[in-house]
Amino acid sequence: AAAALGIARSIGDRSSIAESEATLAWT
C-alpha cells in the first residue's frame, strides 16, 4: 500500500493518489 502511494504521487494522478491513501489508511 505504501509503494502504491509512492508511485501514485510520483506521477501526480489525483484519483490514484486518493485511492492509494485510502488503501494505506486501511492497511
mmCIF file of all heavy atoms, coordinates in Angstrom:
data_MODEL
# 
_entry.id   MODEL 
# 
loop_
_atom_site.group_PDB 
_atom_site.id 
_atom_site.type_symbol 
_atom_site.label_atom_id 
_atom_site.label_alt_id 
_atom_site.label_comp_id 
_atom_site.label_asym_id 
_atom_site.label_entity_id 
_atom_site.label_seq_id 
_atom_site.pdbx_PDB_ins_code 
_atom_site.Cartn_x 
_atom_site.Cartn_y 
_atom_site.Cartn_z 
_atom_site.occupancy 
_atom_site.B_iso_or_equiv 
_atom_site.pdbx_formal_charge 
_atom_site.auth_seq_id 
_atom_site.auth_comp_id 
_atom_site.auth_asym_id 
_atom_site.auth_atom_id 
_atom_site.pdbx_PDB_model_num 
ATOM 1   N N   . ALA A 1 1  ? 0.836   -1.203 0.000   1.00 0.00 ? 1  ALA A N   1 
ATOM 2   C CA  . ALA A 1 1  ? 0.000   0.000  0.000   1.00 0.00 ? 1  ALA A CA  1 
ATOM 3   C C   . ALA A 1 1  ? 0.870   1.252  0.000   1.00 0.00 ? 1  ALA A C   1 
ATOM 4   O O   . ALA A 1 1  ? 0.587   2.233  -0.708  1.00 0.00 ? 1  ALA A O   1 
ATOM 5   C CB  . ALA A 1 1  ? -0.922  -0.011 1.214   1.00 0.00 ? 1  ALA A CB  1 
ATOM 6   N N   . ALA A 1 2  ? 1.951   1.229  0.786   1.00 0.00 ? 2  ALA A N   1 
ATOM 7   C CA  . ALA A 1 2  ? 2.865   2.374  0.810   1.00 0.00 ? 2  ALA A CA  1 
ATOM 8   C C   . ALA A 1 2  ? 3.539   2.545  -0.554  1.00 0.00 ? 2  ALA A C   1 
ATOM 9   O O   . ALA A 1 2  ? 3.720   3.674  -1.035  1.00 0.00 ? 2  ALA A O   1 
ATOM 10  C CB  . ALA A 1 2  ? 3.912   2.176  1.913   1.00 0.00 ? 2  ALA A CB  1 
ATOM 11  N N   . ALA A 1 3  ? 3.895   1.426  -1.184  1.00 0.00 ? 3  ALA A N   1 
ATOM 12  C CA  . ALA A 1 3  ? 4.508   1.501  -2.511  1.00 0.00 ? 3  ALA A CA  1 
ATOM 13  C C   . ALA A 1 3  ? 3.529   2.081  -3.524  1.00 0.00 ? 3  ALA A C   1 
ATOM 14  O O   . ALA A 1 3  ? 3.910   2.879  -4.395  1.00 0.00 ? 3  ALA A O   1 
ATOM 15  C CB  . ALA A 1 3  ? 4.965   0.107  -2.943  1.00 0.00 ? 3  ALA A CB  1 
ATOM 16  N N   . ALA A 1 4  ? 2.274   1.704  -3.421  1.00 0.00 ? 4  ALA A N   1 
ATOM 17  C CA  . ALA A 1 4  ? 1.255   2.230  -4.338  1.00 0.00 ? 4  ALA A CA  1 
ATOM 18  C C   . ALA A 1 4  ? 1.149   3.732  -4.210  1.00 0.00 ? 4  ALA A C   1 
ATOM 19  O O   . ALA A 1 4  ? 1.089   4.465  -5.219  1.00 0.00 ? 4  ALA A O   1 
ATOM 20  C CB  . ALA A 1 4  ? -0.094  1.576  -4.053  1.00 0.00 ? 4  ALA A CB  1 
ATOM 21  N N   . LEU A 1 5  ? 1.135   4.227  -2.976  1.00 0.00 ? 5  LEU A N   1 
ATOM 22  C CA  . LEU A 1 5  ? 1.018   5.672  -2.775  1.00 0.00 ? 5  LEU A CA  1 
ATOM 23  C C   . LEU A 1 5  ? 2.252   6.392  -3.308  1.00 0.00 ? 5  LEU A C   1 
ATOM 24  O O   . LEU A 1 5  ? 2.147   7.475  -3.907  1.00 0.00 ? 5  LEU A O   1 
ATOM 25  C CB  . LEU A 1 5  ? 0.816   5.978  -1.288  1.00 0.00 ? 5  LEU A CB  1 
ATOM 26  C CG  . LEU A 1 5  ? 0.625   7.454  -0.926  1.00 0.00 ? 5  LEU A CG  1 
ATOM 27  C CD1 . LEU A 1 5  ? -0.542  8.062  -1.707  1.00 0.00 ? 5  LEU A CD1 1 
ATOM 28  C CD2 . LEU A 1 5  ? 0.389   7.614  0.586   1.00 0.00 ? 5  LEU A CD2 1 
ATOM 29  N N   . GLY A 1 6  ? 3.429   5.806  -3.114  1.00 0.00 ? 6  GLY A N   1 
ATOM 30  C CA  . GLY A 1 6  ? 4.642   6.425  -3.631  1.00 0.00 ? 6  GLY A CA  1 
ATOM 31  C C   . GLY A 1 6  ? 4.616   6.548  -5.146  1.00 0.00 ? 6  GLY A C   1 
ATOM 32  O O   . GLY A 1 6  ? 4.969   7.591  -5.703  1.00 0.00 ? 6  GLY A O   1 
ATOM 33  N N   . ILE A 1 7  ? 4.179   5.489  -5.821  1.00 0.00 ? 7  ILE A N   1 
ATOM 34  C CA  . ILE A 1 7  ? 4.104   5.523  -7.286  1.00 0.00 ? 7  ILE A CA  1 
ATOM 35  C C   . ILE A 1 7  ? 3.060   6.539  -7.737  1.00 0.00 ? 7  ILE A C   1 
ATOM 36  O O   . ILE A 1 7  ? 3.294   7.321  -8.670  1.00 0.00 ? 7  ILE A O   1 
ATOM 37  C CB  . ILE A 1 7  ? 3.769   4.126  -7.840  1.00 0.00 ? 7  ILE A CB  1 
ATOM 38  C CG1 . ILE A 1 7  ? 4.882   3.134  -7.528  1.00 0.00 ? 7  ILE A CG1 1 
ATOM 39  C CG2 . ILE A 1 7  ? 3.535   4.193  -9.349  1.00 0.00 ? 7  ILE A CG2 1 
ATOM 40  C CD1 . ILE A 1 7  ? 4.543   1.696  -7.870  1.00 0.00 ? 7  ILE A CD1 1 
ATOM 41  N N   . ALA A 1 8  ? 1.904   6.534  -7.077  1.00 0.00 ? 8  ALA A N   1 
ATOM 42  C CA  . ALA A 1 8  ? 0.832   7.448  -7.458  1.00 0.00 ? 8  ALA A CA  1 
ATOM 43  C C   . ALA A 1 8  ? 1.278   8.904  -7.321  1.00 0.00 ? 8  ALA A C   1 
ATOM 44  O O   . ALA A 1 8  ? 0.991   9.742  -8.192  1.00 0.00 ? 8  ALA A O   1 
ATOM 45  C CB  . ALA A 1 8  ? -0.406  7.177  -6.609  1.00 0.00 ? 8  ALA A CB  1 
ATOM 46  N N   . ARG A 1 9  ? 1.976   9.208  -6.242  1.00 0.00 ? 9  ARG A N   1 
ATOM 47  C CA  . ARG A 1 9  ? 2.447   10.585 -6.043  1.00 0.00 ? 9  ARG A CA  1 
ATOM 48  C C   . ARG A 1 9  ? 3.515   10.955 -7.067  1.00 0.00 ? 9  ARG A C   1 
ATOM 49  O O   . ARG A 1 9  ? 3.612   12.127 -7.487  1.00 0.00 ? 9  ARG A O   1 
ATOM 50  C CB  . ARG A 1 9  ? 2.989   10.745 -4.623  1.00 0.00 ? 9  ARG A CB  1 
ATOM 51  C CG  . ARG A 1 9  ? 1.865   10.825 -3.574  1.00 0.00 ? 9  ARG A CG  1 
ATOM 52  C CD  . ARG A 1 9  ? 2.416   10.848 -2.166  1.00 0.00 ? 9  ARG A CD  1 
ATOM 53  N NE  . ARG A 1 9  ? 1.350   11.102 -1.192  1.00 0.00 ? 9  ARG A NE  1 
ATOM 54  C CZ  . ARG A 1 9  ? 1.493   10.943 0.131   1.00 0.00 ? 9  ARG A CZ  1 
ATOM 55  N NH1 . ARG A 1 9  ? 2.666   10.539 0.628   1.00 0.00 ? 9  ARG A NH1 1 
ATOM 56  N NH2 . ARG A 1 9  ? 0.485   11.197 0.947   1.00 0.00 ? 9  ARG A NH2 1 
ATOM 57  N N   . SER A 1 10 ? 4.297   9.997  -7.494  1.00 0.00 ? 10 SER A N   1 
ATOM 58  C CA  . SER A 1 10 ? 5.360   10.290 -8.466  1.00 0.00 ? 10 SER A CA  1 
ATOM 59  C C   . SER A 1 10 ? 4.803   10.686 -9.828  1.00 0.00 ? 10 SER A C   1 
ATOM 60  O O   . SER A 1 10 ? 5.445   11.426 -10.572 1.00 0.00 ? 10 SER A O   1 
ATOM 61  C CB  . SER A 1 10 ? 6.287   9.080  -8.619  1.00 0.00 ? 10 SER A CB  1 
ATOM 62  O OG  . SER A 1 10 ? 5.641   8.029  -9.334  1.00 0.00 ? 10 SER A OG  1 
ATOM 63  N N   . ILE A 1 11 ? 3.604   10.178 -10.169 1.00 0.00 ? 11 ILE A N   1 
ATOM 64  C CA  . ILE A 1 11 ? 3.008   10.516 -11.467 1.00 0.00 ? 11 ILE A CA  1 
ATOM 65  C C   . ILE A 1 11 ? 1.951   11.611 -11.330 1.00 0.00 ? 11 ILE A C   1 
ATOM 66  O O   . ILE A 1 11 ? 1.441   12.109 -12.336 1.00 0.00 ? 11 ILE A O   1 
ATOM 67  C CB  . ILE A 1 11 ? 2.394   9.273  -12.135 1.00 0.00 ? 11 ILE A CB  1 
ATOM 68  C CG1 . ILE A 1 11 ? 1.326   8.629  -11.242 1.00 0.00 ? 11 ILE A CG1 1 
ATOM 69  C CG2 . ILE A 1 11 ? 3.454   8.265  -12.477 1.00 0.00 ? 11 ILE A CG2 1 
ATOM 70  C CD1 . ILE A 1 11 ? 0.646   7.423  -11.875 1.00 0.00 ? 11 ILE A CD1 1 
ATOM 71  N N   . GLY A 1 12 ? 1.584   11.962 -10.100 1.00 0.00 ? 12 GLY A N   1 
ATOM 72  C CA  . GLY A 1 12 ? 0.644   13.051 -9.879  1.00 0.00 ? 12 GLY A CA  1 
ATOM 73  C C   . GLY A 1 12 ? -0.778  12.760 -10.288 1.00 0.00 ? 12 GLY A C   1 
ATOM 74  O O   . GLY A 1 12 ? -1.552  13.690 -10.550 1.00 0.00 ? 12 GLY A O   1 
ATOM 75  N N   . ASP A 1 13 ? -1.156  11.483 -10.333 1.00 0.00 ? 13 ASP A N   1 
ATOM 76  C CA  . ASP A 1 13 ? -2.520  11.092 -10.694 1.00 0.00 ? 13 ASP A CA  1 
ATOM 77  C C   . ASP A 1 13 ? -3.412  11.214 -9.462  1.00 0.00 ? 13 ASP A C   1 
ATOM 78  O O   . ASP A 1 13 ? -3.308  10.427 -8.528  1.00 0.00 ? 13 ASP A O   1 
ATOM 79  C CB  . ASP A 1 13 ? -2.519  9.661  -11.236 1.00 0.00 ? 13 ASP A CB  1 
ATOM 80  C CG  . ASP A 1 13 ? -3.889  9.208  -11.724 1.00 0.00 ? 13 ASP A CG  1 
ATOM 81  O OD1 . ASP A 1 13 ? -4.905  9.771  -11.281 1.00 0.00 ? 13 ASP A OD1 1 
ATOM 82  O OD2 . ASP A 1 13 ? -3.941  8.277  -12.553 1.00 0.00 ? 13 ASP A OD2 1 
ATOM 83  N N   . ARG A 1 14 ? -4.304  12.229 -9.458  1.00 0.00 ? 14 ARG A N   1 
ATOM 84  C CA  . ARG A 1 14 ? -5.078  12.529 -8.263  1.00 0.00 ? 14 ARG A CA  1 
ATOM 85  C C   . ARG A 1 14 ? -5.979  11.365 -7.843  1.00 0.00 ? 14 ARG A C   1 
ATOM 86  O O   . ARG A 1 14 ? -6.080  11.051 -6.651  1.00 0.00 ? 14 ARG A O   1 
ATOM 87  C CB  . ARG A 1 14 ? -5.943  13.782 -8.511  1.00 0.00 ? 14 ARG A CB  1 
ATOM 88  C CG  . ARG A 1 14 ? -6.704  14.283 -7.308  1.00 0.00 ? 14 ARG A CG  1 
ATOM 89  C CD  . ARG A 1 14 ? -5.775  14.591 -6.155  1.00 0.00 ? 14 ARG A CD  1 
ATOM 90  N NE  . ARG A 1 14 ? -6.388  14.217 -4.884  1.00 0.00 ? 14 ARG A NE  1 
ATOM 91  C CZ  . ARG A 1 14 ? -5.717  13.979 -3.761  1.00 0.00 ? 14 ARG A CZ  1 
ATOM 92  N NH1 . ARG A 1 14 ? -4.404  14.052 -3.751  1.00 0.00 ? 14 ARG A NH1 1 
ATOM 93  N NH2 . ARG A 1 14 ? -6.337  13.652 -2.643  1.00 0.00 ? 14 ARG A NH2 1 
ATOM 94  N N   . SER A 1 15 ? -6.637  10.716 -8.796  1.00 0.00 ? 15 SER A N   1 
ATOM 95  C CA  . SER A 1 15 ? -7.511  9.613  -8.440  1.00 0.00 ? 15 SER A CA  1 
ATOM 96  C C   . SER A 1 15 ? -6.713  8.435  -7.882  1.00 0.00 ? 15 SER A C   1 
ATOM 97  O O   . SER A 1 15 ? -7.130  7.778  -6.915  1.00 0.00 ? 15 SER A O   1 
ATOM 98  C CB  . SER A 1 15 ? -8.345  9.166  -9.649  1.00 0.00 ? 15 SER A CB  1 
ATOM 99  O OG  . SER A 1 15 ? -7.504  8.651  -10.671 1.00 0.00 ? 15 SER A OG  1 
ATOM 100 N N   . SER A 1 16 ? -5.540  8.174  -8.466  1.00 0.00 ? 16 SER A N   1 
ATOM 101 C CA  . SER A 1 16 ? -4.684  7.094  -7.978  1.00 0.00 ? 16 SER A CA  1 
ATOM 102 C C   . SER A 1 16 ? -4.134  7.425  -6.594  1.00 0.00 ? 16 SER A C   1 
ATOM 103 O O   . SER A 1 16 ? -4.050  6.556  -5.717  1.00 0.00 ? 16 SER A O   1 
ATOM 104 C CB  . SER A 1 16 ? -3.542  6.846  -8.961  1.00 0.00 ? 16 SER A CB  1 
ATOM 105 O OG  . SER A 1 16 ? -2.746  5.757  -8.554  1.00 0.00 ? 16 SER A OG  1 
ATOM 106 N N   . ILE A 1 17 ? -3.778  8.688  -6.378  1.00 0.00 ? 17 ILE A N   1 
ATOM 107 C CA  . ILE A 1 17 ? -3.286  9.107  -5.065  1.00 0.00 ? 17 ILE A CA  1 
ATOM 108 C C   . ILE A 1 17 ? -4.370  8.913  -4.008  1.00 0.00 ? 17 ILE A C   1 
ATOM 109 O O   . ILE A 1 17 ? -4.122  8.351  -2.930  1.00 0.00 ? 17 ILE A O   1 
ATOM 110 C CB  . ILE A 1 17 ? -2.837  10.583 -5.103  1.00 0.00 ? 17 ILE A CB  1 
ATOM 111 C CG1 . ILE A 1 17 ? -1.584  10.739 -5.965  1.00 0.00 ? 17 ILE A CG1 1 
ATOM 112 C CG2 . ILE A 1 17 ? -2.576  11.105 -3.689  1.00 0.00 ? 17 ILE A CG2 1 
ATOM 113 C CD1 . ILE A 1 17 ? -1.201  12.184 -6.224  1.00 0.00 ? 17 ILE A CD1 1 
ATOM 114 N N   . ALA A 1 18 ? -5.587  9.354  -4.310  1.00 0.00 ? 18 ALA A N   1 
ATOM 115 C CA  . ALA A 1 18 ? -6.679  9.262  -3.337  1.00 0.00 ? 18 ALA A CA  1 
ATOM 116 C C   . ALA A 1 18 ? -6.978  7.806  -2.978  1.00 0.00 ? 18 ALA A C   1 
ATOM 117 O O   . ALA A 1 18 ? -7.129  7.457  -1.797  1.00 0.00 ? 18 ALA A O   1 
ATOM 118 C CB  . ALA A 1 18 ? -7.926  9.934  -3.900  1.00 0.00 ? 18 ALA A CB  1 
ATOM 119 N N   . GLU A 1 19 ? -7.055  6.952  -3.983  1.00 0.00 ? 19 GLU A N   1 
ATOM 120 C CA  . GLU A 1 19 ? -7.341  5.535  -3.728  1.00 0.00 ? 19 GLU A CA  1 
ATOM 121 C C   . GLU A 1 19 ? -6.205  4.892  -2.942  1.00 0.00 ? 19 GLU A C   1 
ATOM 122 O O   . GLU A 1 19 ? -6.439  4.062  -2.055  1.00 0.00 ? 19 GLU A O   1 
ATOM 123 C CB  . GLU A 1 19 ? -7.563  4.815  -5.047  1.00 0.00 ? 19 GLU A CB  1 
ATOM 124 C CG  . GLU A 1 19 ? -8.086  3.402  -4.889  1.00 0.00 ? 19 GLU A CG  1 
ATOM 125 C CD  . GLU A 1 19 ? -8.321  2.721  -6.226  1.00 0.00 ? 19 GLU A CD  1 
ATOM 126 O OE1 . GLU A 1 19 ? -8.369  3.427  -7.250  1.00 0.00 ? 19 GLU A OE1 1 
ATOM 127 O OE2 . GLU A 1 19 ? -8.442  1.485  -6.238  1.00 0.00 ? 19 GLU A OE2 1 
ATOM 128 N N   . SER A 1 20 ? -4.960  5.269  -3.255  1.00 0.00 ? 20 SER A N   1 
ATOM 129 C CA  . SER A 1 20 ? -3.810  4.722  -2.540  1.00 0.00 ? 20 SER A CA  1 
ATOM 130 C C   . SER A 1 20 ? -3.801  5.202  -1.094  1.00 0.00 ? 20 SER A C   1 
ATOM 131 O O   . SER A 1 20 ? -3.415  4.442  -0.186  1.00 0.00 ? 20 SER A O   1 
ATOM 132 C CB  . SER A 1 20 ? -2.518  5.126  -3.247  1.00 0.00 ? 20 SER A CB  1 
ATOM 133 O OG  . SER A 1 20 ? -2.475  4.613  -4.571  1.00 0.00 ? 20 SER A OG  1 
ATOM 134 N N   . GLU A 1 21 ? -4.180  6.461  -0.841  1.00 0.00 ? 21 GLU A N   1 
ATOM 135 C CA  . GLU A 1 21 ? -4.254  6.962  0.526   1.00 0.00 ? 21 GLU A CA  1 
ATOM 136 C C   . GLU A 1 21 ? -5.277  6.184  1.345   1.00 0.00 ? 21 GLU A C   1 
ATOM 137 O O   . GLU A 1 21 ? -5.038  5.838  2.510   1.00 0.00 ? 21 GLU A O   1 
ATOM 138 C CB  . GLU A 1 21 ? -4.608  8.451  0.509   1.00 0.00 ? 21 GLU A CB  1 
ATOM 139 C CG  . GLU A 1 21 ? -3.462  9.340  0.046   1.00 0.00 ? 21 GLU A CG  1 
ATOM 140 C CD  . GLU A 1 21 ? -3.896  10.778 -0.194  1.00 0.00 ? 21 GLU A CD  1 
ATOM 141 O OE1 . GLU A 1 21 ? -5.093  11.014 -0.457  1.00 0.00 ? 21 GLU A OE1 1 
ATOM 142 O OE2 . GLU A 1 21 ? -3.033  11.668 -0.124  1.00 0.00 ? 21 GLU A OE2 1 
ATOM 143 N N   . ALA A 1 22 ? -6.422  5.903  0.728   1.00 0.00 ? 22 ALA A N   1 
ATOM 144 C CA  . ALA A 1 22 ? -7.447  5.129  1.427   1.00 0.00 ? 22 ALA A CA  1 
ATOM 145 C C   . ALA A 1 22 ? -6.955  3.710  1.715   1.00 0.00 ? 22 ALA A C   1 
ATOM 146 O O   . ALA A 1 22 ? -7.182  3.167  2.805   1.00 0.00 ? 22 ALA A O   1 
ATOM 147 C CB  . ALA A 1 22 ? -8.726  5.091  0.600   1.00 0.00 ? 22 ALA A CB  1 
ATOM 148 N N   . THR A 1 23 ? -6.259  3.109  0.744   1.00 0.00 ? 23 THR A N   1 
ATOM 149 C CA  . THR A 1 23 ? -5.740  1.755  0.927   1.00 0.00 ? 23 THR A CA  1 
ATOM 150 C C   . THR A 1 23 ? -4.684  1.735  2.029   1.00 0.00 ? 23 THR A C   1 
ATOM 151 O O   . THR A 1 23 ? -4.662  0.825  2.878   1.00 0.00 ? 23 THR A O   1 
ATOM 152 C CB  . THR A 1 23 ? -5.135  1.225  -0.382  1.00 0.00 ? 23 THR A CB  1 
ATOM 153 O OG1 . THR A 1 23 ? -6.134  1.245  -1.401  1.00 0.00 ? 23 THR A OG1 1 
ATOM 154 C CG2 . THR A 1 23 ? -4.627  -0.194 -0.221  1.00 0.00 ? 23 THR A CG2 1 
ATOM 155 N N   . LEU A 1 24 ? -3.818  2.739  2.051   1.00 0.00 ? 24 LEU A N   1 
ATOM 156 C CA  . LEU A 1 24 ? -2.790  2.808  3.093   1.00 0.00 ? 24 LEU A CA  1 
ATOM 157 C C   . LEU A 1 24 ? -3.417  3.003  4.470   1.00 0.00 ? 24 LEU A C   1 
ATOM 158 O O   . LEU A 1 24 ? -2.977  2.386  5.454   1.00 0.00 ? 24 LEU A O   1 
ATOM 159 C CB  . LEU A 1 24 ? -1.813  3.943  2.789   1.00 0.00 ? 24 LEU A CB  1 
ATOM 160 C CG  . LEU A 1 24 ? -0.629  4.074  3.759   1.00 0.00 ? 24 LEU A CG  1 
ATOM 161 C CD1 . LEU A 1 24 ? 0.238   2.819  3.720   1.00 0.00 ? 24 LEU A CD1 1 
ATOM 162 C CD2 . LEU A 1 24 ? 0.212   5.312  3.436   1.00 0.00 ? 24 LEU A CD2 1 
ATOM 163 N N   . ALA A 1 25 ? -4.444  3.843  4.553   1.00 0.00 ? 25 ALA A N   1 
ATOM 164 C CA  . ALA A 1 25 ? -5.125  4.030  5.837   1.00 0.00 ? 25 ALA A CA  1 
ATOM 165 C C   . ALA A 1 25 ? -5.727  2.713  6.318   1.00 0.00 ? 25 ALA A C   1 
ATOM 166 O O   . ALA A 1 25 ? -5.703  2.404  7.518   1.00 0.00 ? 25 ALA A O   1 
ATOM 167 C CB  . ALA A 1 25 ? -6.217  5.089  5.692   1.00 0.00 ? 25 ALA A CB  1 
ATOM 168 N N   . TRP A 1 26 ? -6.234  1.951  5.388   1.00 0.00 ? 26 TRP A N   1 
ATOM 169 C CA  . TRP A 1 26 ? -6.870  0.671  5.736   1.00 0.00 ? 26 TRP A CA  1 
ATOM 170 C C   . TRP A 1 26 ? -5.829  -0.335 6.223   1.00 0.00 ? 26 TRP A C   1 
ATOM 171 O O   . TRP A 1 26 ? -6.013  -1.015 7.236   1.00 0.00 ? 26 TRP A O   1 
ATOM 172 C CB  . TRP A 1 26 ? -7.611  0.152  4.501   1.00 0.00 ? 26 TRP A CB  1 
ATOM 173 C CG  . TRP A 1 26 ? -8.511  -1.017 4.732   1.00 0.00 ? 26 TRP A CG  1 
ATOM 174 C CD1 . TRP A 1 26 ? -9.561  -1.094 5.596   1.00 0.00 ? 26 TRP A CD1 1 
ATOM 175 C CD2 . TRP A 1 26 ? -8.435  -2.280 4.077   1.00 0.00 ? 26 TRP A CD2 1 
ATOM 176 N NE1 . TRP A 1 26 ? -10.163 -2.322 5.513   1.00 0.00 ? 26 TRP A NE1 1 
ATOM 177 C CE2 . TRP A 1 26 ? -9.492  -3.078 4.588   1.00 0.00 ? 26 TRP A CE2 1 
ATOM 178 C CE3 . TRP A 1 26 ? -7.600  -2.809 3.093   1.00 0.00 ? 26 TRP A CE3 1 
ATOM 179 C CZ2 . TRP A 1 26 ? -9.716  -4.377 4.160   1.00 0.00 ? 26 TRP A CZ2 1 
ATOM 180 C CZ3 . TRP A 1 26 ? -7.829  -4.105 2.669   1.00 0.00 ? 26 TRP A CZ3 1 
ATOM 181 C CH2 . TRP A 1 26 ? -8.875  -4.882 3.191   1.00 0.00 ? 26 TRP A CH2 1 
ATOM 182 N N   . THR A 1 27 ? -4.711  -0.454 5.499   1.00 0.00 ? 27 THR A N   1 
ATOM 183 C CA  . THR A 1 27 ? -3.692  -1.423 5.917   1.00 0.00 ? 27 THR A CA  1 
ATOM 184 C C   . THR A 1 27 ? -3.020  -0.997 7.223   1.00 0.00 ? 27 THR A C   1 
ATOM 185 O O   . THR A 1 27 ? -2.653  -1.843 8.041   1.00 0.00 ? 27 THR A O   1 
ATOM 186 C CB  . THR A 1 27 ? -2.630  -1.606 4.814   1.00 0.00 ? 27 THR A CB  1 
ATOM 187 O OG1 . THR A 1 27 ? -2.029  -0.348 4.495   1.00 0.00 ? 27 THR A OG1 1 
ATOM 188 C CG2 . THR A 1 27 ? -3.259  -2.209 3.557   1.00 0.00 ? 27 THR A CG2 1 
# 
